[in-house]
Amino acid sequence: MDIIIKNMESADEIRGKAYVHWKSWQEAYPGIVDQRYLDALTLEKCEEIAFRWTENILVAKDGDRVIGFVGYGVSGDGEGECAGEIYAIYVLSEYYGMGVGYRLMQAGLERIREYPKIIVRVLKENSRAIRFYERCGFAADGSEETLELGSPVAVIRMGKTNSIEKMI
């Protein structure tokens, strides 16, 4: 397996990112996000999103296939602090446990290394993702909000000081 991490550049990579987005939601969120919301989140909707949001995206590729992505940039928290944010990170489930998510996270963190603090947001019930973020050095900071995804869903914020580090 020869997985590379690179900037998302081509239309095929954008469509591949859209597929990973769609498939990851279908795999990770049943029982967490309202099934009606998941059913309404079609591959076509994910493609529309992907073609609108093409900046600050890195993709993981296994050969020509996009198998994961990370989106990063400045935090939109509006708290007056200078922070970066990992907006989204998804990997196809068949690649879980292979280090793809960790490599994507490290590459995303490297792109926002100028920010002293980095945050991520995660669905409170998504224990697998929370454990991943904890292994990457993030900790819940007490901030919580509710999103309406067909029904109310709790989202927690996790933060860390920005230093590229080895996963324990």
N, C-alpha and C. Protein backbone atom coordinates (compact mmCIF):
# COMPACT_ATOMS: atom_id res chain seq x y z
N MET A 1 0.85 -1.18 0.00
CA MET A 1 0.00 0.00 0.00
C MET A 1 0.89 1.24 0.00
N ASP A 2 0.70 2.09 -1.00
CA ASP A 2 1.52 3.30 -1.16
C ASP A 2 0.60 4.53 -1.07
N ILE A 3 0.32 4.96 0.16
CA ILE A 3 -0.62 6.07 0.38
C ILE A 3 0.15 7.38 0.40
N ILE A 4 -0.37 8.34 -0.36
CA ILE A 4 0.24 9.67 -0.37
C ILE A 4 -0.77 10.69 0.16
N ILE A 5 -0.24 11.78 0.73
CA ILE A 5 -1.05 12.90 1.19
C ILE A 5 -0.67 14.08 0.31
N LYS A 6 -1.66 14.74 -0.28
CA LYS A 6 -1.37 15.84 -1.21
C LYS A 6 -2.50 16.86 -1.22
N ASN A 7 -2.21 18.02 -1.79
CA ASN A 7 -3.26 19.01 -1.99
C ASN A 7 -4.32 18.45 -2.93
N MET A 8 -5.58 18.75 -2.64
CA MET A 8 -6.67 18.36 -3.54
C MET A 8 -6.61 19.31 -4.73
N GLU A 9 -6.48 18.75 -5.93
CA GLU A 9 -6.27 19.61 -7.10
C GLU A 9 -7.23 19.34 -8.26
N SER A 10 -7.47 18.10 -8.59
CA SER A 10 -8.24 17.79 -9.80
C SER A 10 -9.72 17.59 -9.50
N ALA A 11 -10.53 17.62 -10.55
CA ALA A 11 -11.96 17.35 -10.41
C ALA A 11 -12.18 15.93 -9.90
N ASP A 12 -11.35 14.98 -10.33
CA ASP A 12 -11.48 13.60 -9.84
C ASP A 12 -11.20 13.54 -8.34
N GLU A 13 -10.22 14.30 -7.87
CA GLU A 13 -9.92 14.33 -6.43
C GLU A 13 -11.04 14.99 -5.66
N ILE A 14 -11.66 16.02 -6.23
CA ILE A 14 -12.80 16.67 -5.57
C ILE A 14 -13.97 15.69 -5.47
N ARG A 15 -14.23 14.95 -6.54
CA ARG A 15 -15.30 13.94 -6.50
C ARG A 15 -14.94 12.83 -5.51
N GLY A 16 -13.67 12.46 -5.44
CA GLY A 16 -13.23 11.45 -4.48
C GLY A 16 -13.42 11.92 -3.05
N LYS A 17 -13.10 13.19 -2.79
CA LYS A 17 -13.31 13.78 -1.46
C LYS A 17 -14.79 13.75 -1.12
N ALA A 18 -15.65 14.06 -2.09
CA ALA A 18 -17.10 14.04 -1.86
C ALA A 18 -17.56 12.63 -1.49
N TYR A 19 -17.02 11.63 -2.16
CA TYR A 19 -17.40 10.25 -1.86
C TYR A 19 -16.99 9.88 -0.43
N VAL A 20 -15.76 10.24 -0.05
CA VAL A 20 -15.29 9.95 1.31
C VAL A 20 -16.19 10.64 2.34
N HIS A 21 -16.55 11.90 2.07
CA HIS A 21 -17.44 12.65 2.97
C HIS A 21 -18.76 11.89 3.13
N TRP A 22 -19.39 11.56 2.01
CA TRP A 22 -20.69 10.88 2.03
C TRP A 22 -20.59 9.52 2.72
N LYS A 23 -19.64 8.71 2.29
CA LYS A 23 -19.51 7.34 2.81
C LYS A 23 -19.18 7.36 4.30
N SER A 24 -18.31 8.27 4.72
CA SER A 24 -17.93 8.35 6.13
C SER A 24 -19.13 8.69 7.01
N TRP A 25 -19.96 9.62 6.56
CA TRP A 25 -21.16 9.96 7.34
C TRP A 25 -22.09 8.76 7.42
N GLN A 26 -22.24 8.02 6.32
CA GLN A 26 -23.13 6.86 6.32
C GLN A 26 -22.59 5.77 7.24
N GLU A 27 -21.27 5.66 7.36
CA GLU A 27 -20.66 4.62 8.19
C GLU A 27 -20.55 5.01 9.66
N ALA A 28 -20.23 6.26 9.93
CA ALA A 28 -19.90 6.67 11.30
C ALA A 28 -21.07 7.18 12.12
N TYR A 29 -22.11 7.70 11.47
CA TYR A 29 -23.10 8.44 12.23
C TYR A 29 -24.47 7.80 12.44
N PRO A 30 -24.77 6.60 11.91
CA PRO A 30 -26.05 5.98 12.27
C PRO A 30 -26.13 5.80 13.79
N GLY A 31 -27.28 6.16 14.35
CA GLY A 31 -27.45 6.08 15.79
C GLY A 31 -26.97 7.32 16.53
N ILE A 32 -26.21 8.19 15.82
CA ILE A 32 -25.73 9.44 16.40
C ILE A 32 -26.47 10.62 15.76
N VAL A 33 -26.56 10.57 14.44
CA VAL A 33 -27.26 11.61 13.68
C VAL A 33 -28.58 11.02 13.18
N ASP A 34 -29.63 11.82 13.22
CA ASP A 34 -30.96 11.41 12.77
C ASP A 34 -30.87 10.73 11.39
N GLN A 35 -31.44 9.54 11.28
CA GLN A 35 -31.35 8.76 10.04
C GLN A 35 -31.96 9.51 8.86
N ARG A 36 -32.99 10.30 9.10
CA ARG A 36 -33.58 11.08 8.00
C ARG A 36 -32.57 12.08 7.44
N TYR A 37 -31.76 12.66 8.32
CA TYR A 37 -30.71 13.59 7.88
C TYR A 37 -29.67 12.84 7.04
N LEU A 38 -29.26 11.67 7.53
CA LEU A 38 -28.28 10.87 6.79
C LEU A 38 -28.83 10.45 5.43
N ASP A 39 -30.10 10.06 5.38
CA ASP A 39 -30.72 9.65 4.12
C ASP A 39 -30.77 10.82 3.13
N ALA A 40 -30.94 12.04 3.66
CA ALA A 40 -31.02 13.23 2.79
C ALA A 40 -29.64 13.71 2.35
N LEU A 41 -28.59 13.26 3.04
CA LEU A 41 -27.23 13.64 2.67
C LEU A 41 -26.76 12.70 1.56
N THR A 42 -27.06 13.07 0.33
CA THR A 42 -26.74 12.23 -0.82
C THR A 42 -25.32 12.49 -1.30
N LEU A 43 -24.83 11.57 -2.10
CA LEU A 43 -23.52 11.76 -2.73
C LEU A 43 -23.53 13.04 -3.57
N GLU A 44 -24.63 13.31 -4.23
CA GLU A 44 -24.73 14.53 -5.05
C GLU A 44 -24.59 15.79 -4.20
N LYS A 45 -25.23 15.81 -3.03
CA LYS A 45 -25.09 16.96 -2.13
C LYS A 45 -23.64 17.11 -1.67
N CYS A 46 -23.00 15.99 -1.38
CA CYS A 46 -21.59 16.05 -0.96
C CYS A 46 -20.70 16.55 -2.09
N GLU A 47 -21.04 16.21 -3.34
CA GLU A 47 -20.28 16.73 -4.48
C GLU A 47 -20.47 18.23 -4.62
N GLU A 48 -21.70 18.71 -4.42
CA GLU A 48 -21.93 20.16 -4.46
C GLU A 48 -21.07 20.87 -3.42
N ILE A 49 -21.04 20.33 -2.21
CA ILE A 49 -20.22 20.91 -1.13
C ILE A 49 -18.75 20.88 -1.52
N ALA A 50 -18.30 19.74 -2.03
CA ALA A 50 -16.88 19.56 -2.36
C ALA A 50 -16.43 20.55 -3.44
N PHE A 51 -17.27 20.80 -4.42
CA PHE A 51 -16.88 21.73 -5.49
C PHE A 51 -16.96 23.18 -5.04
N ARG A 52 -17.72 23.47 -3.97
CA ARG A 52 -17.75 24.83 -3.40
C ARG A 52 -16.57 25.05 -2.45
N TRP A 53 -16.12 24.00 -1.76
CA TRP A 53 -15.05 24.11 -0.77
C TRP A 53 -13.84 23.34 -1.27
N THR A 54 -12.99 24.03 -2.03
CA THR A 54 -11.81 23.38 -2.62
C THR A 54 -10.50 23.86 -2.01
N GLU A 55 -10.55 24.91 -1.21
CA GLU A 55 -9.34 25.45 -0.59
C GLU A 55 -9.02 24.73 0.71
N ASN A 56 -7.74 24.67 1.05
CA ASN A 56 -7.29 24.13 2.33
C ASN A 56 -7.78 22.71 2.58
N ILE A 57 -7.68 21.88 1.54
CA ILE A 57 -8.04 20.46 1.65
C ILE A 57 -6.84 19.63 1.20
N LEU A 58 -6.48 18.67 2.03
CA LEU A 58 -5.49 17.67 1.65
C LEU A 58 -6.22 16.34 1.51
N VAL A 59 -5.84 15.56 0.52
CA VAL A 59 -6.44 14.24 0.34
C VAL A 59 -5.39 13.16 0.56
N ALA A 60 -5.85 12.03 1.05
CA ALA A 60 -5.03 10.82 1.12
C ALA A 60 -5.46 9.95 -0.05
N LYS A 61 -4.47 9.46 -0.79
CA LYS A 61 -4.77 8.64 -1.96
C LYS A 61 -4.02 7.32 -1.87
N ASP A 62 -4.73 6.26 -2.21
CA ASP A 62 -4.16 4.94 -2.37
C ASP A 62 -4.21 4.67 -3.87
N GLY A 63 -3.08 4.87 -4.54
CA GLY A 63 -3.08 4.84 -6.00
C GLY A 63 -3.86 6.05 -6.50
N ASP A 64 -4.85 5.81 -7.35
CA ASP A 64 -5.67 6.91 -7.88
C ASP A 64 -6.91 7.18 -7.04
N ARG A 65 -7.13 6.39 -6.00
CA ARG A 65 -8.36 6.47 -5.21
C ARG A 65 -8.19 7.38 -3.99
N VAL A 66 -9.09 8.36 -3.84
CA VAL A 66 -9.11 9.18 -2.63
C VAL A 66 -9.73 8.35 -1.52
N ILE A 67 -8.98 8.23 -0.40
CA ILE A 67 -9.45 7.38 0.71
C ILE A 67 -9.66 8.18 1.99
N GLY A 68 -9.31 9.47 1.97
CA GLY A 68 -9.50 10.31 3.13
C GLY A 68 -9.18 11.75 2.81
N PHE A 69 -9.56 12.65 3.71
CA PHE A 69 -9.24 14.07 3.52
C PHE A 69 -9.23 14.78 4.86
N VAL A 70 -8.56 15.93 4.87
CA VAL A 70 -8.58 16.83 6.01
C VAL A 70 -8.77 18.25 5.49
N GLY A 71 -9.62 19.01 6.18
CA GLY A 71 -9.82 20.43 5.89
C GLY A 71 -9.33 21.24 7.08
N TYR A 72 -8.66 22.33 6.82
CA TYR A 72 -8.01 23.09 7.89
C TYR A 72 -8.06 24.59 7.57
N GLY A 73 -7.80 25.42 8.59
CA GLY A 73 -7.75 26.86 8.39
C GLY A 73 -7.85 27.60 9.70
N VAL A 74 -8.22 28.87 9.60
CA VAL A 74 -8.36 29.69 10.80
C VAL A 74 -9.69 29.34 11.48
N SER A 75 -9.69 29.37 12.81
CA SER A 75 -10.91 29.04 13.55
C SER A 75 -11.95 30.14 13.38
N GLY A 76 -13.19 29.73 13.27
CA GLY A 76 -14.29 30.68 13.15
C GLY A 76 -14.98 30.93 14.48
N ASP A 77 -14.29 30.68 15.58
CA ASP A 77 -14.91 30.80 16.90
C ASP A 77 -15.31 32.22 17.27
N GLY A 78 -14.58 33.21 16.80
CA GLY A 78 -14.89 34.59 17.14
C GLY A 78 -14.65 34.94 18.58
N GLU A 79 -13.78 34.19 19.26
CA GLU A 79 -13.49 34.47 20.66
C GLU A 79 -12.34 35.45 20.82
N GLY A 80 -11.83 35.96 19.71
CA GLY A 80 -10.75 36.92 19.79
C GLY A 80 -9.38 36.28 19.92
N GLU A 81 -9.35 34.95 20.06
CA GLU A 81 -8.05 34.30 20.15
C GLU A 81 -7.62 33.87 18.75
N CYS A 82 -6.35 33.83 18.56
CA CYS A 82 -5.80 33.42 17.28
C CYS A 82 -5.64 31.90 17.31
N ALA A 83 -6.52 31.20 16.63
CA ALA A 83 -6.49 29.75 16.66
C ALA A 83 -6.71 29.20 15.26
N GLY A 84 -6.11 28.06 15.00
CA GLY A 84 -6.37 27.31 13.79
C GLY A 84 -7.40 26.25 14.09
N GLU A 85 -7.93 25.65 13.04
CA GLU A 85 -8.95 24.62 13.24
C GLU A 85 -8.81 23.53 12.19
N ILE A 86 -8.96 22.30 12.65
CA ILE A 86 -9.14 21.17 11.75
C ILE A 86 -10.66 21.08 11.58
N TYR A 87 -11.15 21.50 10.41
CA TYR A 87 -12.60 21.58 10.18
C TYR A 87 -13.23 20.20 9.99
N ALA A 88 -12.51 19.32 9.32
CA ALA A 88 -13.05 18.00 9.01
C ALA A 88 -11.90 17.07 8.73
N ILE A 89 -12.04 15.83 9.16
CA ILE A 89 -11.08 14.79 8.81
C ILE A 89 -11.86 13.48 8.73
N TYR A 90 -11.79 12.85 7.58
CA TYR A 90 -12.53 11.61 7.35
C TYR A 90 -11.65 10.63 6.58
N VAL A 91 -11.79 9.37 6.92
CA VAL A 91 -11.08 8.28 6.25
C VAL A 91 -12.09 7.16 6.04
N LEU A 92 -12.03 6.51 4.88
CA LEU A 92 -12.91 5.37 4.64
C LEU A 92 -12.64 4.29 5.68
N SER A 93 -13.69 3.64 6.16
CA SER A 93 -13.56 2.68 7.26
C SER A 93 -12.62 1.52 6.93
N GLU A 94 -12.52 1.15 5.68
CA GLU A 94 -11.64 0.03 5.34
C GLU A 94 -10.16 0.38 5.57
N TYR A 95 -9.86 1.67 5.79
CA TYR A 95 -8.49 2.11 6.06
C TYR A 95 -8.27 2.47 7.54
N TYR A 96 -9.28 2.22 8.38
CA TYR A 96 -9.10 2.46 9.82
C TYR A 96 -7.93 1.62 10.34
N GLY A 97 -7.21 2.18 11.27
CA GLY A 97 -6.13 1.45 11.92
C GLY A 97 -4.84 1.35 11.11
N MET A 98 -4.79 2.03 9.97
CA MET A 98 -3.60 1.96 9.11
C MET A 98 -2.75 3.23 9.17
N GLY A 99 -3.12 4.17 10.04
CA GLY A 99 -2.33 5.38 10.18
C GLY A 99 -2.69 6.49 9.21
N VAL A 100 -3.70 6.28 8.38
CA VAL A 100 -4.07 7.29 7.38
C VAL A 100 -4.60 8.55 8.06
N GLY A 101 -5.48 8.39 9.03
CA GLY A 101 -6.03 9.54 9.75
C GLY A 101 -4.95 10.32 10.46
N TYR A 102 -4.03 9.61 11.10
CA TYR A 102 -2.93 10.26 11.80
C TYR A 102 -2.06 11.05 10.82
N ARG A 103 -1.74 10.46 9.68
CA ARG A 103 -0.93 11.16 8.68
C ARG A 103 -1.66 12.40 8.15
N LEU A 104 -2.96 12.27 7.93
CA LEU A 104 -3.74 13.44 7.49
C LEU A 104 -3.73 14.51 8.57
N MET A 105 -3.94 14.11 9.83
CA MET A 105 -3.94 15.08 10.92
C MET A 105 -2.60 15.81 10.99
N GLN A 106 -1.50 15.08 10.95
CA GLN A 106 -0.18 15.72 11.04
C GLN A 106 0.04 16.68 9.87
N ALA A 107 -0.38 16.29 8.68
CA ALA A 107 -0.22 17.16 7.51
C ALA A 107 -1.08 18.42 7.66
N GLY A 108 -2.32 18.27 8.17
CA GLY A 108 -3.18 19.43 8.40
C GLY A 108 -2.60 20.34 9.46
N LEU A 109 -2.09 19.77 10.55
CA LEU A 109 -1.49 20.58 11.62
C LEU A 109 -0.27 21.34 11.10
N GLU A 110 0.49 20.69 10.25
CA GLU A 110 1.67 21.35 9.68
C GLU A 110 1.25 22.59 8.87
N ARG A 111 0.12 22.51 8.19
CA ARG A 111 -0.36 23.63 7.36
C ARG A 111 -0.83 24.82 8.20
N ILE A 112 -1.19 24.57 9.46
CA ILE A 112 -1.68 25.67 10.33
C ILE A 112 -0.76 25.84 11.53
N ARG A 113 0.50 25.55 11.34
CA ARG A 113 1.47 25.57 12.44
C ARG A 113 1.70 26.97 13.02
N GLU A 114 1.32 28.03 12.28
CA GLU A 114 1.54 29.38 12.80
C GLU A 114 0.58 29.76 13.93
N TYR A 115 -0.50 28.98 14.10
CA TYR A 115 -1.46 29.29 15.16
C TYR A 115 -1.03 28.62 16.46
N PRO A 116 -1.06 29.35 17.57
CA PRO A 116 -0.60 28.78 18.85
C PRO A 116 -1.56 27.73 19.41
N LYS A 117 -2.82 27.80 19.01
CA LYS A 117 -3.82 26.85 19.50
C LYS A 117 -4.57 26.30 18.30
N ILE A 118 -4.90 25.02 18.38
CA ILE A 118 -5.67 24.36 17.33
C ILE A 118 -6.90 23.74 17.98
N ILE A 119 -8.04 23.86 17.31
CA ILE A 119 -9.26 23.23 17.82
C ILE A 119 -9.85 22.29 16.78
N VAL A 120 -10.65 21.36 17.27
CA VAL A 120 -11.49 20.50 16.45
C VAL A 120 -12.85 20.46 17.13
N ARG A 121 -13.86 20.18 16.37
CA ARG A 121 -15.20 19.97 16.92
C ARG A 121 -15.61 18.55 16.57
N VAL A 122 -16.29 17.91 17.49
CA VAL A 122 -16.66 16.51 17.28
C VAL A 122 -18.02 16.25 17.93
N LEU A 123 -18.79 15.40 17.28
CA LEU A 123 -20.07 15.02 17.88
C LEU A 123 -19.79 14.32 19.21
N LYS A 124 -20.48 14.76 20.24
CA LYS A 124 -20.23 14.28 21.59
C LYS A 124 -20.36 12.77 21.72
N GLU A 125 -21.22 12.17 20.93
CA GLU A 125 -21.44 10.72 21.00
C GLU A 125 -20.48 9.93 20.10
N ASN A 126 -19.61 10.62 19.38
CA ASN A 126 -18.68 9.94 18.46
C ASN A 126 -17.41 9.56 19.22
N SER A 127 -17.52 8.51 20.03
CA SER A 127 -16.41 8.13 20.90
C SER A 127 -15.17 7.71 20.12
N ARG A 128 -15.34 7.08 18.98
CA ARG A 128 -14.18 6.68 18.17
C ARG A 128 -13.37 7.91 17.76
N ALA A 129 -14.03 8.95 17.28
CA ALA A 129 -13.33 10.17 16.86
C ALA A 129 -12.70 10.87 18.06
N ILE A 130 -13.40 10.91 19.18
CA ILE A 130 -12.85 11.55 20.38
C ILE A 130 -11.57 10.85 20.80
N ARG A 131 -11.56 9.53 20.79
CA ARG A 131 -10.33 8.78 21.14
C ARG A 131 -9.20 9.11 20.16
N PHE A 132 -9.52 9.20 18.88
CA PHE A 132 -8.50 9.56 17.87
C PHE A 132 -7.92 10.94 18.17
N TYR A 133 -8.79 11.91 18.43
CA TYR A 133 -8.31 13.27 18.71
C TYR A 133 -7.47 13.29 19.98
N GLU A 134 -7.88 12.54 20.99
CA GLU A 134 -7.09 12.47 22.22
C GLU A 134 -5.69 11.90 21.95
N ARG A 135 -5.61 10.87 21.11
CA ARG A 135 -4.30 10.30 20.75
C ARG A 135 -3.44 11.32 19.99
N CYS A 136 -4.10 12.26 19.33
CA CYS A 136 -3.38 13.30 18.59
C CYS A 136 -3.07 14.52 19.47
N GLY A 137 -3.38 14.43 20.76
CA GLY A 137 -3.03 15.49 21.69
C GLY A 137 -4.12 16.48 22.03
N PHE A 138 -5.33 16.28 21.52
CA PHE A 138 -6.44 17.18 21.81
C PHE A 138 -7.12 16.77 23.11
N ALA A 139 -7.71 17.74 23.80
CA ALA A 139 -8.49 17.48 25.00
C ALA A 139 -9.75 18.36 24.97
N ALA A 140 -10.85 17.82 25.46
CA ALA A 140 -12.09 18.60 25.54
C ALA A 140 -11.83 19.84 26.37
N ASP A 141 -12.33 20.99 25.90
CA ASP A 141 -12.07 22.25 26.63
C ASP A 141 -13.31 22.79 27.33
N GLY A 142 -14.38 21.99 27.37
CA GLY A 142 -15.58 22.39 28.10
C GLY A 142 -16.62 23.11 27.25
N SER A 143 -16.25 23.50 26.04
CA SER A 143 -17.20 24.18 25.17
C SER A 143 -18.09 23.15 24.47
N GLU A 144 -19.39 23.43 24.48
CA GLU A 144 -20.35 22.53 23.85
C GLU A 144 -21.42 23.36 23.17
N GLU A 145 -21.87 22.89 22.03
CA GLU A 145 -22.96 23.55 21.31
C GLU A 145 -23.88 22.47 20.76
N THR A 146 -25.02 22.89 20.27
CA THR A 146 -25.98 21.96 19.69
C THR A 146 -26.18 22.31 18.23
N LEU A 147 -26.08 21.31 17.38
CA LEU A 147 -26.38 21.46 15.96
C LEU A 147 -27.70 20.77 15.66
N GLU A 148 -28.39 21.29 14.69
CA GLU A 148 -29.63 20.67 14.25
C GLU A 148 -29.32 19.85 13.00
N LEU A 149 -29.22 18.54 13.17
CA LEU A 149 -28.96 17.62 12.06
C LEU A 149 -30.13 16.65 11.97
N GLY A 150 -31.30 17.21 11.65
CA GLY A 150 -32.53 16.42 11.66
C GLY A 150 -33.15 16.37 13.03
N SER A 151 -32.31 16.38 14.04
CA SER A 151 -32.68 16.50 15.46
C SER A 151 -31.45 17.08 16.16
N PRO A 152 -31.62 17.60 17.37
CA PRO A 152 -30.48 18.22 18.05
C PRO A 152 -29.36 17.21 18.34
N VAL A 153 -28.12 17.63 18.05
CA VAL A 153 -26.94 16.81 18.30
C VAL A 153 -25.91 17.67 19.02
N ALA A 154 -25.35 17.14 20.12
CA ALA A 154 -24.34 17.87 20.89
C ALA A 154 -22.98 17.75 20.21
N VAL A 155 -22.27 18.90 20.15
CA VAL A 155 -20.93 18.97 19.57
C VAL A 155 -20.01 19.54 20.64
N ILE A 156 -18.89 18.88 20.88
CA ILE A 156 -17.92 19.42 21.83
C ILE A 156 -16.72 19.95 21.06
N ARG A 157 -16.02 20.88 21.70
CA ARG A 157 -14.80 21.44 21.13
C ARG A 157 -13.62 20.85 21.90
N MET A 158 -12.59 20.48 21.16
CA MET A 158 -11.36 19.98 21.75
C MET A 158 -10.23 20.87 21.27
N GLY A 159 -9.22 21.05 22.10
CA GLY A 159 -8.12 21.93 21.72
C GLY A 159 -6.77 21.35 22.11
N LYS A 160 -5.75 21.96 21.53
CA LYS A 160 -4.38 21.60 21.86
C LYS A 160 -3.47 22.75 21.47
N THR A 161 -2.31 22.80 22.10
CA THR A 161 -1.30 23.74 21.62
C THR A 161 -0.73 23.13 20.36
N ASN A 162 -0.34 23.95 19.43
CA ASN A 162 0.08 23.44 18.14
C ASN A 162 1.54 23.07 18.14
N SER A 163 1.79 21.79 18.24
CA SER A 163 3.13 21.26 18.05
C SER A 163 2.98 19.91 17.38
N ILE A 164 3.74 19.69 16.35
CA ILE A 164 3.70 18.41 15.67
C ILE A 164 4.37 17.41 16.60
N GLU A 165 3.65 16.37 16.98
CA GLU A 165 4.19 15.44 17.96
C GLU A 165 3.88 14.01 17.57
N LYS A 166 4.58 13.10 18.15
CA LYS A 166 4.36 11.68 17.91
C LYS A 166 3.12 11.22 18.67
N MET A 167 2.35 10.36 18.04
CA MET A 167 1.18 9.80 18.70
C MET A 167 1.62 8.72 19.68
N ILE A 168 1.01 8.74 20.85
CA ILE A 168 1.37 7.77 21.90
C ILE A 168 0.72 6.43 21.58
